Amino acid sequence: STISQITRVLSAALGGIAAISLIVGGIGVMNIMLVS
């Protein structure tokens, strides 16, 4: 149970960090669409 709690927090933290690149990609989508 302790390990599951630790890995869930770790997954959320690392997933959140990786999701930042998705947001950056989304900004790229918006910029390209505005140019379009």
Full PDB file with SEQRES, HELIX, SHEET, SSBOND, CRYST1, ORIGX, SCALE, CONECT and MASTER records, all heavy atoms in Angstrom:
SEQRES   1 A   36  SER THR ILE SER GLN ILE THR ARG VAL LEU SER ALA ALA          
SEQRES   2 A   36  LEU GLY GLY ILE ALA ALA ILE SER LEU ILE VAL GLY GLY          
SEQRES   3 A   36  ILE GLY VAL MET ASN ILE MET LEU VAL SER                      
HELIX    1 AA1 THR A    2  VAL A   35  1                                  34    
CRYST1    1.000    1.000    1.000  90.00  90.00  90.00 P 1           1          
ORIGX1      1.000000  0.000000  0.000000        0.00000                         
ORIGX2      0.000000  1.000000  0.000000        0.00000                         
ORIGX3      0.000000  0.000000  1.000000        0.00000                         
SCALE1      1.000000  0.000000  0.000000        0.00000                         
SCALE2      0.000000  1.000000  0.000000        0.00000                         
SCALE3      0.000000  0.000000  1.000000        0.00000                         
ATOM      1  N   SER A   1       0.829  -1.203   0.000  1.00  0.00           N  
ATOM      2  CA  SER A   1       0.000   0.000   0.000  1.00  0.00           C  
ATOM      3  C   SER A   1       0.869   1.261   0.000  1.00  0.00           C  
ATOM      4  O   SER A   1       0.595   2.223  -0.724  1.00  0.00           O  
ATOM      5  CB  SER A   1      -0.924   0.006   1.225  1.00  0.00           C  
ATOM      6  OG  SER A   1      -1.662   1.209   1.287  1.00  0.00           O  
ATOM      7  N   THR A   2       1.932   1.229   0.795  1.00  0.00           N  
ATOM      8  CA  THR A   2       2.856   2.368   0.848  1.00  0.00           C  
ATOM      9  C   THR A   2       3.527   2.589  -0.496  1.00  0.00           C  
ATOM     10  O   THR A   2       3.642   3.725  -0.979  1.00  0.00           O  
ATOM     11  CB  THR A   2       3.932   2.139   1.932  1.00  0.00           C  
ATOM     12  OG1 THR A   2       3.302   1.977   3.197  1.00  0.00           O  
ATOM     13  CG2 THR A   2       4.898   3.315   1.995  1.00  0.00           C  
ATOM     14  N   ILE A   3       3.962   1.498  -1.121  1.00  0.00           N  
ATOM     15  CA  ILE A   3       4.605   1.598  -2.432  1.00  0.00           C  
ATOM     16  C   ILE A   3       3.637   2.157  -3.465  1.00  0.00           C  
ATOM     17  O   ILE A   3       4.000   3.004  -4.300  1.00  0.00           O  
ATOM     18  CB  ILE A   3       5.131   0.218  -2.873  1.00  0.00           C  
ATOM     19  CG1 ILE A   3       6.308  -0.195  -1.993  1.00  0.00           C  
ATOM     20  CG2 ILE A   3       5.545   0.225  -4.337  1.00  0.00           C  
ATOM     21  CD1 ILE A   3       6.755  -1.607  -2.200  1.00  0.00           C  
ATOM     22  N   SER A   4       2.387   1.702  -3.424  1.00  0.00           N  
ATOM     23  CA  SER A   4       1.378   2.191  -4.368  1.00  0.00           C  
ATOM     24  C   SER A   4       1.167   3.691  -4.209  1.00  0.00           C  
ATOM     25  O   SER A   4       1.056   4.420  -5.200  1.00  0.00           O  
ATOM     26  CB  SER A   4       0.054   1.456  -4.163  1.00  0.00           C  
ATOM     27  OG  SER A   4       0.179   0.090  -4.473  1.00  0.00           O  
ATOM     28  N   GLN A   5       1.125   4.157  -2.972  1.00  0.00           N  
ATOM     29  CA  GLN A   5       0.943   5.584  -2.725  1.00  0.00           C  
ATOM     30  C   GLN A   5       2.119   6.385  -3.273  1.00  0.00           C  
ATOM     31  O   GLN A   5       1.937   7.431  -3.906  1.00  0.00           O  
ATOM     32  CB  GLN A   5       0.787   5.839  -1.226  1.00  0.00           C  
ATOM     33  CG  GLN A   5      -0.514   5.295  -0.638  1.00  0.00           C  
ATOM     34  CD  GLN A   5      -0.570   5.458   0.874  1.00  0.00           C  
ATOM     35  OE1 GLN A   5       0.295   6.106   1.469  1.00  0.00           O  
ATOM     36  NE2 GLN A   5      -1.571   4.873   1.500  1.00  0.00           N  
ATOM     37  N   ILE A   6       3.323   5.878  -3.037  1.00  0.00           N  
ATOM     38  CA  ILE A   6       4.518   6.583  -3.506  1.00  0.00           C  
ATOM     39  C   ILE A   6       4.543   6.655  -5.030  1.00  0.00           C  
ATOM     40  O   ILE A   6       4.802   7.710  -5.626  1.00  0.00           O  
ATOM     41  CB  ILE A   6       5.796   5.888  -2.983  1.00  0.00           C  
ATOM     42  CG1 ILE A   6       5.886   6.036  -1.464  1.00  0.00           C  
ATOM     43  CG2 ILE A   6       7.044   6.474  -3.647  1.00  0.00           C  
ATOM     44  CD1 ILE A   6       6.996   5.223  -0.829  1.00  0.00           C  
ATOM     45  N   THR A   7       4.273   5.523  -5.685  1.00  0.00           N  
ATOM     46  CA  THR A   7       4.328   5.494  -7.142  1.00  0.00           C  
ATOM     47  C   THR A   7       3.206   6.304  -7.778  1.00  0.00           C  
ATOM     48  O   THR A   7       3.389   6.874  -8.863  1.00  0.00           O  
ATOM     49  CB  THR A   7       4.286   4.048  -7.672  1.00  0.00           C  
ATOM     50  OG1 THR A   7       3.153   3.361  -7.105  1.00  0.00           O  
ATOM     51  CG2 THR A   7       5.557   3.307  -7.309  1.00  0.00           C  
ATOM     52  N   ARG A   8       2.046   6.374  -7.112  1.00  0.00           N  
ATOM     53  CA  ARG A   8       0.963   7.209  -7.643  1.00  0.00           C  
ATOM     54  C   ARG A   8       1.362   8.679  -7.633  1.00  0.00           C  
ATOM     55  O   ARG A   8       1.132   9.404  -8.606  1.00  0.00           O  
ATOM     56  CB  ARG A   8      -0.315   7.007  -6.820  1.00  0.00           C  
ATOM     57  CG  ARG A   8      -1.125   5.788  -7.233  1.00  0.00           C  
ATOM     58  CD  ARG A   8      -2.556   5.884  -6.714  1.00  0.00           C  
ATOM     59  NE  ARG A   8      -2.609   5.898  -5.261  1.00  0.00           N  
ATOM     60  CZ  ARG A   8      -2.728   4.831  -4.517  1.00  0.00           C  
ATOM     61  NH1 ARG A   8      -2.792   3.629  -5.076  1.00  0.00           N  
ATOM     62  NH2 ARG A   8      -2.793   4.917  -3.195  1.00  0.00           N  
ATOM     63  N   VAL A   9       1.965   9.109  -6.527  1.00  0.00           N  
ATOM     64  CA  VAL A   9       2.432  10.494  -6.447  1.00  0.00           C  
ATOM     65  C   VAL A   9       3.520  10.744  -7.480  1.00  0.00           C  
ATOM     66  O   VAL A   9       3.537  11.788  -8.161  1.00  0.00           O  
ATOM     67  CB  VAL A   9       2.956  10.809  -5.027  1.00  0.00           C  
ATOM     68  CG1 VAL A   9       3.614  12.178  -4.988  1.00  0.00           C  
ATOM     69  CG2 VAL A   9       1.823  10.739  -4.015  1.00  0.00           C  
ATOM     70  N   LEU A  10       4.431   9.772  -7.623  1.00  0.00           N  
ATOM     71  CA  LEU A  10       5.520   9.908  -8.580  1.00  0.00           C  
ATOM     72  C   LEU A  10       4.988   9.965 -10.009  1.00  0.00           C  
ATOM     73  O   LEU A  10       5.455  10.771 -10.829  1.00  0.00           O  
ATOM     74  CB  LEU A  10       6.488   8.729  -8.425  1.00  0.00           C  
ATOM     75  CG  LEU A  10       7.842   8.828  -9.124  1.00  0.00           C  
ATOM     76  CD1 LEU A  10       8.590  10.069  -8.677  1.00  0.00           C  
ATOM     77  CD2 LEU A  10       8.679   7.587  -8.845  1.00  0.00           C  
ATOM     78  N   SER A  11       4.003   9.125 -10.312  1.00  0.00           N  
ATOM     79  CA  SER A  11       3.400   9.130 -11.646  1.00  0.00           C  
ATOM     80  C   SER A  11       2.741  10.468 -11.945  1.00  0.00           C  
ATOM     81  O   SER A  11       2.889  11.022 -13.040  1.00  0.00           O  
ATOM     82  CB  SER A  11       2.351   8.016 -11.764  1.00  0.00           C  
ATOM     83  OG  SER A  11       2.940   6.745 -11.731  1.00  0.00           O  
ATOM     84  N   ALA A  12       2.006  10.988 -10.954  1.00  0.00           N  
ATOM     85  CA  ALA A  12       1.330  12.267 -11.138  1.00  0.00           C  
ATOM     86  C   ALA A  12       2.342  13.399 -11.352  1.00  0.00           C  
ATOM     87  O   ALA A  12       2.161  14.257 -12.225  1.00  0.00           O  
ATOM     88  CB  ALA A  12       0.446  12.570  -9.941  1.00  0.00           C  
ATOM     89  N   ALA A  13       3.427  13.366 -10.554  1.00  0.00           N  
ATOM     90  CA  ALA A  13       4.436  14.426 -10.662  1.00  0.00           C  
ATOM     91  C   ALA A  13       5.152  14.381 -12.009  1.00  0.00           C  
ATOM     92  O   ALA A  13       5.262  15.396 -12.706  1.00  0.00           O  
ATOM     93  CB  ALA A  13       5.439  14.298  -9.522  1.00  0.00           C  
ATOM     94  N   LEU A  14       5.625  13.189 -12.394  1.00  0.00           N  
ATOM     95  CA  LEU A  14       6.343  13.070 -13.669  1.00  0.00           C  
ATOM     96  C   LEU A  14       5.411  13.289 -14.849  1.00  0.00           C  
ATOM     97  O   LEU A  14       5.794  13.903 -15.853  1.00  0.00           O  
ATOM     98  CB  LEU A  14       6.998  11.689 -13.759  1.00  0.00           C  
ATOM     99  CG  LEU A  14       8.140  11.425 -12.769  1.00  0.00           C  
ATOM    100  CD1 LEU A  14       8.667  10.007 -12.937  1.00  0.00           C  
ATOM    101  CD2 LEU A  14       9.262  12.428 -12.969  1.00  0.00           C  
ATOM    102  N   GLY A  15       4.171  12.779 -14.736  1.00  0.00           N  
ATOM    103  CA  GLY A  15       3.202  13.009 -15.803  1.00  0.00           C  
ATOM    104  C   GLY A  15       2.890  14.483 -15.966  1.00  0.00           C  
ATOM    105  O   GLY A  15       2.738  14.986 -17.080  1.00  0.00           O  
ATOM    106  N   GLY A  16       2.803  15.198 -14.830  1.00  0.00           N  
ATOM    107  CA  GLY A  16       2.555  16.636 -14.889  1.00  0.00           C  
ATOM    108  C   GLY A  16       3.698  17.389 -15.535  1.00  0.00           C  
ATOM    109  O   GLY A  16       3.475  18.326 -16.327  1.00  0.00           O  
ATOM    110  N   ILE A  17       4.932  16.972 -15.219  1.00  0.00           N  
ATOM    111  CA  ILE A  17       6.103  17.612 -15.833  1.00  0.00           C  
ATOM    112  C   ILE A  17       6.091  17.390 -17.344  1.00  0.00           C  
ATOM    113  O   ILE A  17       6.328  18.306 -18.135  1.00  0.00           O  
ATOM    114  CB  ILE A  17       7.403  17.064 -15.219  1.00  0.00           C  
ATOM    115  CG1 ILE A  17       7.509  17.490 -13.745  1.00  0.00           C  
ATOM    116  CG2 ILE A  17       8.625  17.536 -15.993  1.00  0.00           C  
ATOM    117  CD1 ILE A  17       8.647  16.841 -12.996  1.00  0.00           C  
ATOM    118  N   ALA A  18       5.794  16.138 -17.749  1.00  0.00           N  
ATOM    119  CA  ALA A  18       5.750  15.835 -19.178  1.00  0.00           C  
ATOM    120  C   ALA A  18       4.603  16.568 -19.866  1.00  0.00           C  
ATOM    121  O   ALA A  18       4.709  16.950 -21.036  1.00  0.00           O  
ATOM    122  CB  ALA A  18       5.602  14.326 -19.386  1.00  0.00           C  
ATOM    123  N   ALA A  19       3.503  16.782 -19.143  1.00  0.00           N  
ATOM    124  CA  ALA A  19       2.344  17.465 -19.730  1.00  0.00           C  
ATOM    125  C   ALA A  19       2.659  18.914 -20.074  1.00  0.00           C  
ATOM    126  O   ALA A  19       1.972  19.521 -20.922  1.00  0.00           O  
ATOM    127  CB  ALA A  19       1.162  17.399 -18.776  1.00  0.00           C  
ATOM    128  N   ILE A  20       3.680  19.486 -19.434  1.00  0.00           N  
ATOM    129  CA  ILE A  20       4.072  20.858 -19.762  1.00  0.00           C  
ATOM    130  C   ILE A  20       4.450  20.960 -21.235  1.00  0.00           C  
ATOM    131  O   ILE A  20       4.136  21.949 -21.911  1.00  0.00           O  
ATOM    132  CB  ILE A  20       5.246  21.313 -18.865  1.00  0.00           C  
ATOM    133  CG1 ILE A  20       4.776  21.404 -17.412  1.00  0.00           C  
ATOM    134  CG2 ILE A  20       5.803  22.649 -19.326  1.00  0.00           C  
ATOM    135  CD1 ILE A  20       5.878  21.720 -16.423  1.00  0.00           C  
ATOM    136  N   SER A  21       5.137  19.909 -21.749  1.00  0.00           N  
ATOM    137  CA  SER A  21       5.506  19.933 -23.165  1.00  0.00           C  
ATOM    138  C   SER A  21       4.270  19.867 -24.054  1.00  0.00           C  
ATOM    139  O   SER A  21       4.272  20.388 -25.174  1.00  0.00           O  
ATOM    140  CB  SER A  21       6.451  18.766 -23.487  1.00  0.00           C  
ATOM    141  OG  SER A  21       5.847  17.530 -23.187  1.00  0.00           O  
ATOM    142  N   LEU A  22       3.193  19.235 -23.562  1.00  0.00           N  
ATOM    143  CA  LEU A  22       1.932  19.228 -24.314  1.00  0.00           C  
ATOM    144  C   LEU A  22       1.338  20.631 -24.377  1.00  0.00           C  
ATOM    145  O   LEU A  22       0.797  21.039 -25.416  1.00  0.00           O  
ATOM    146  CB  LEU A  22       0.933  18.278 -23.652  1.00  0.00           C  
ATOM    147  CG  LEU A  22       0.852  16.845 -24.196  1.00  0.00           C  
ATOM    148  CD1 LEU A  22      -0.120  16.029 -23.364  1.00  0.00           C  
ATOM    149  CD2 LEU A  22       0.427  16.852 -25.647  1.00  0.00           C  
ATOM    150  N   ILE A  23       1.439  21.350 -23.277  1.00  0.00           N  
ATOM    151  CA  ILE A  23       0.936  22.727 -23.266  1.00  0.00           C  
ATOM    152  C   ILE A  23       1.737  23.594 -24.218  1.00  0.00           C  
ATOM    153  O   ILE A  23       1.188  24.416 -24.954  1.00  0.00           O  
ATOM    154  CB  ILE A  23       0.992  23.298 -21.828  1.00  0.00           C  
ATOM    155  CG1 ILE A  23       0.048  22.495 -20.927  1.00  0.00           C  
ATOM    156  CG2 ILE A  23       0.620  24.773 -21.814  1.00  0.00           C  
ATOM    157  CD1 ILE A  23       0.122  22.885 -19.461  1.00  0.00           C  
ATOM    158  N   VAL A  24       3.071  23.389 -24.207  1.00  0.00           N  
ATOM    159  CA  VAL A  24       3.922  24.125 -25.153  1.00  0.00           C  
ATOM    160  C   VAL A  24       3.523  23.791 -26.595  1.00  0.00           C  
ATOM    161  O   VAL A  24       3.446  24.670 -27.453  1.00  0.00           O  
ATOM    162  CB  VAL A  24       5.409  23.790 -24.910  1.00  0.00           C  
ATOM    163  CG1 VAL A  24       6.283  24.420 -25.988  1.00  0.00           C  
ATOM    164  CG2 VAL A  24       5.844  24.270 -23.535  1.00  0.00           C  
ATOM    165  N   GLY A  25       3.253  22.493 -26.838  1.00  0.00           N  
ATOM    166  CA  GLY A  25       2.794  22.091 -28.163  1.00  0.00           C  
ATOM    167  C   GLY A  25       1.468  22.737 -28.518  1.00  0.00           C  
ATOM    168  O   GLY A  25       1.224  23.111 -29.672  1.00  0.00           O  
ATOM    169  N   GLY A  26       0.580  22.876 -27.519  1.00  0.00           N  
ATOM    170  CA  GLY A  26      -0.705  23.527 -27.755  1.00  0.00           C  
ATOM    171  C   GLY A  26      -0.544  24.990 -28.132  1.00  0.00           C  
ATOM    172  O   GLY A  26      -1.266  25.507 -28.997  1.00  0.00           O  
ATOM    173  N   ILE A  27       0.405  25.657 -27.487  1.00  0.00           N  
ATOM    174  CA  ILE A  27       0.690  27.051 -27.843  1.00  0.00           C  
ATOM    175  C   ILE A  27       1.165  27.122 -29.285  1.00  0.00           C  
ATOM    176  O   ILE A  27       0.814  28.044 -30.042  1.00  0.00           O  
ATOM    177  CB  ILE A  27       1.740  27.644 -26.886  1.00  0.00           C  
ATOM    178  CG1 ILE A  27       1.163  27.721 -25.469  1.00  0.00           C  
ATOM    179  CG2 ILE A  27       2.181  29.026 -27.347  1.00  0.00           C  
ATOM    180  CD1 ILE A  27       2.156  28.128 -24.408  1.00  0.00           C  
ATOM    181  N   GLY A  28       1.966  26.105 -29.680  1.00  0.00           N  
ATOM    182  CA  GLY A  28       2.410  26.046 -31.084  1.00  0.00           C  
ATOM    183  C   GLY A  28       1.239  25.886 -32.036  1.00  0.00           C  
ATOM    184  O   GLY A  28       1.198  26.518 -33.111  1.00  0.00           O  
ATOM    185  N   VAL A  29       0.273  25.050 -31.652  1.00  0.00           N  
ATOM    186  CA  VAL A  29      -0.927  24.878 -32.475  1.00  0.00           C  
ATOM    187  C   VAL A  29      -1.659  26.204 -32.632  1.00  0.00           C  
ATOM    188  O   VAL A  29      -2.068  26.590 -33.739  1.00  0.00           O  
ATOM    189  CB  VAL A  29      -1.872  23.829 -31.842  1.00  0.00           C  
ATOM    190  CG1 VAL A  29      -3.229  23.828 -32.552  1.00  0.00           C  
ATOM    191  CG2 VAL A  29      -1.253  22.438 -31.910  1.00  0.00           C  
ATOM    192  N   MET A  30      -1.831  26.932 -31.535  1.00  0.00           N  
ATOM    193  CA  MET A  30      -2.538  28.207 -31.583  1.00  0.00           C  
ATOM    194  C   MET A  30      -1.807  29.214 -32.475  1.00  0.00           C  
ATOM    195  O   MET A  30      -2.428  29.913 -33.290  1.00  0.00           O  
ATOM    196  CB  MET A  30      -2.685  28.772 -30.176  1.00  0.00           C  
ATOM    197  CG  MET A  30      -3.472  30.077 -30.118  1.00  0.00           C  
ATOM    198  SD  MET A  30      -3.781  30.643 -28.425  1.00  0.00           S  
ATOM    199  CE  MET A  30      -2.118  31.027 -27.899  1.00  0.00           C  
ATOM    200  N   ASN A  31      -0.485  29.288 -32.319  1.00  0.00           N  
ATOM    201  CA  ASN A  31       0.281  30.239 -33.135  1.00  0.00           C  
ATOM    202  C   ASN A  31       0.157  29.934 -34.622  1.00  0.00           C  
ATOM    203  O   ASN A  31      -0.038  30.841 -35.442  1.00  0.00           O  
ATOM    204  CB  ASN A  31       1.759  30.215 -32.716  1.00  0.00           C  
ATOM    205  CG  ASN A  31       1.981  30.841 -31.349  1.00  0.00           C  
ATOM    206  OD1 ASN A  31       1.183  31.649 -30.893  1.00  0.00           O  
ATOM    207  ND2 ASN A  31       3.065  30.465 -30.687  1.00  0.00           N  
ATOM    208  N   ILE A  32       0.278  28.653 -34.969  1.00  0.00           N  
ATOM    209  CA  ILE A  32       0.181  28.269 -36.376  1.00  0.00           C  
ATOM    210  C   ILE A  32      -1.220  28.557 -36.919  1.00  0.00           C  
ATOM    211  O   ILE A  32      -1.384  29.029 -38.051  1.00  0.00           O  
ATOM    212  CB  ILE A  32       0.524  26.780 -36.550  1.00  0.00           C  
ATOM    213  CG1 ILE A  32       2.002  26.544 -36.236  1.00  0.00           C  
ATOM    214  CG2 ILE A  32       0.205  26.316 -37.958  1.00  0.00           C  
ATOM    215  CD1 ILE A  32       2.970  27.288 -37.132  1.00  0.00           C  
ATOM    216  N   MET A  33      -2.251  28.281 -36.108  1.00  0.00           N  
ATOM    217  CA  MET A  33      -3.621  28.527 -36.555  1.00  0.00           C  
ATOM    218  C   MET A  33      -3.880  30.017 -36.719  1.00  0.00           C  
ATOM    219  O   MET A  33      -4.594  30.438 -37.650  1.00  0.00           O  
ATOM    220  CB  MET A  33      -4.615  27.925 -35.565  1.00  0.00           C  
ATOM    221  CG  MET A  33      -4.558  26.405 -35.476  1.00  0.00           C  
ATOM    222  SD  MET A  33      -4.710  25.565 -37.060  1.00  0.00           S  
ATOM    223  CE  MET A  33      -6.334  26.104 -37.565  1.00  0.00           C  
ATOM    224  N   LEU A  34      -3.313  30.851 -35.852  1.00  0.00           N  
ATOM    225  CA  LEU A  34      -3.467  32.307 -36.002  1.00  0.00           C  
ATOM    226  C   LEU A  34      -2.791  32.788 -37.279  1.00  0.00           C  
ATOM    227  O   LEU A  34      -3.326  33.648 -37.994  1.00  0.00           O  
ATOM    228  CB  LEU A  34      -2.876  33.024 -34.774  1.00  0.00           C  
ATOM    229  CG  LEU A  34      -3.684  32.910 -33.479  1.00  0.00           C  
ATOM    230  CD1 LEU A  34      -2.898  33.489 -32.310  1.00  0.00           C  
ATOM    231  CD2 LEU A  34      -5.031  33.614 -33.616  1.00  0.00           C  
ATOM    232  N   VAL A  35      -1.612  32.243 -37.576  1.00  0.00           N  
ATOM    233  CA  VAL A  35      -0.927  32.583 -38.832  1.00  0.00           C  
ATOM    234  C   VAL A  35      -1.774  32.139 -40.014  1.00  0.00           C  
ATOM    235  O   VAL A  35      -1.901  32.857 -41.022  1.00  0.00           O  
ATOM    236  CB  VAL A  35       0.464  31.915 -38.881  1.00  0.00           C  
ATOM    237  CG1 VAL A  35       1.076  32.067 -40.265  1.00  0.00           C  
ATOM    238  CG2 VAL A  35       1.377  32.512 -37.829  1.00  0.00           C  
ATOM    239  N   SER A  36      -2.372  30.951 -39.885  1.00  0.00           N  
ATOM    240  CA  SER A  36      -3.204  30.423 -40.957  1.00  0.00           C  
ATOM    241  C   SER A  36      -4.414  31.319 -41.199  1.00  0.00           C  
ATOM    242  O   SER A  36      -4.807  31.558 -42.340  1.00  0.00           O  
ATOM    243  CB  SER A  36      -3.662  29.005 -40.608  1.00  0.00           C  
ATOM    244  OG  SER A  36      -4.454  28.464 -41.631  1.00  0.00           O  
TER     245      SER A  36                                                      
MASTER        0    0    0    1    0    0    0    6  244    1    0    3          
END                                                                             
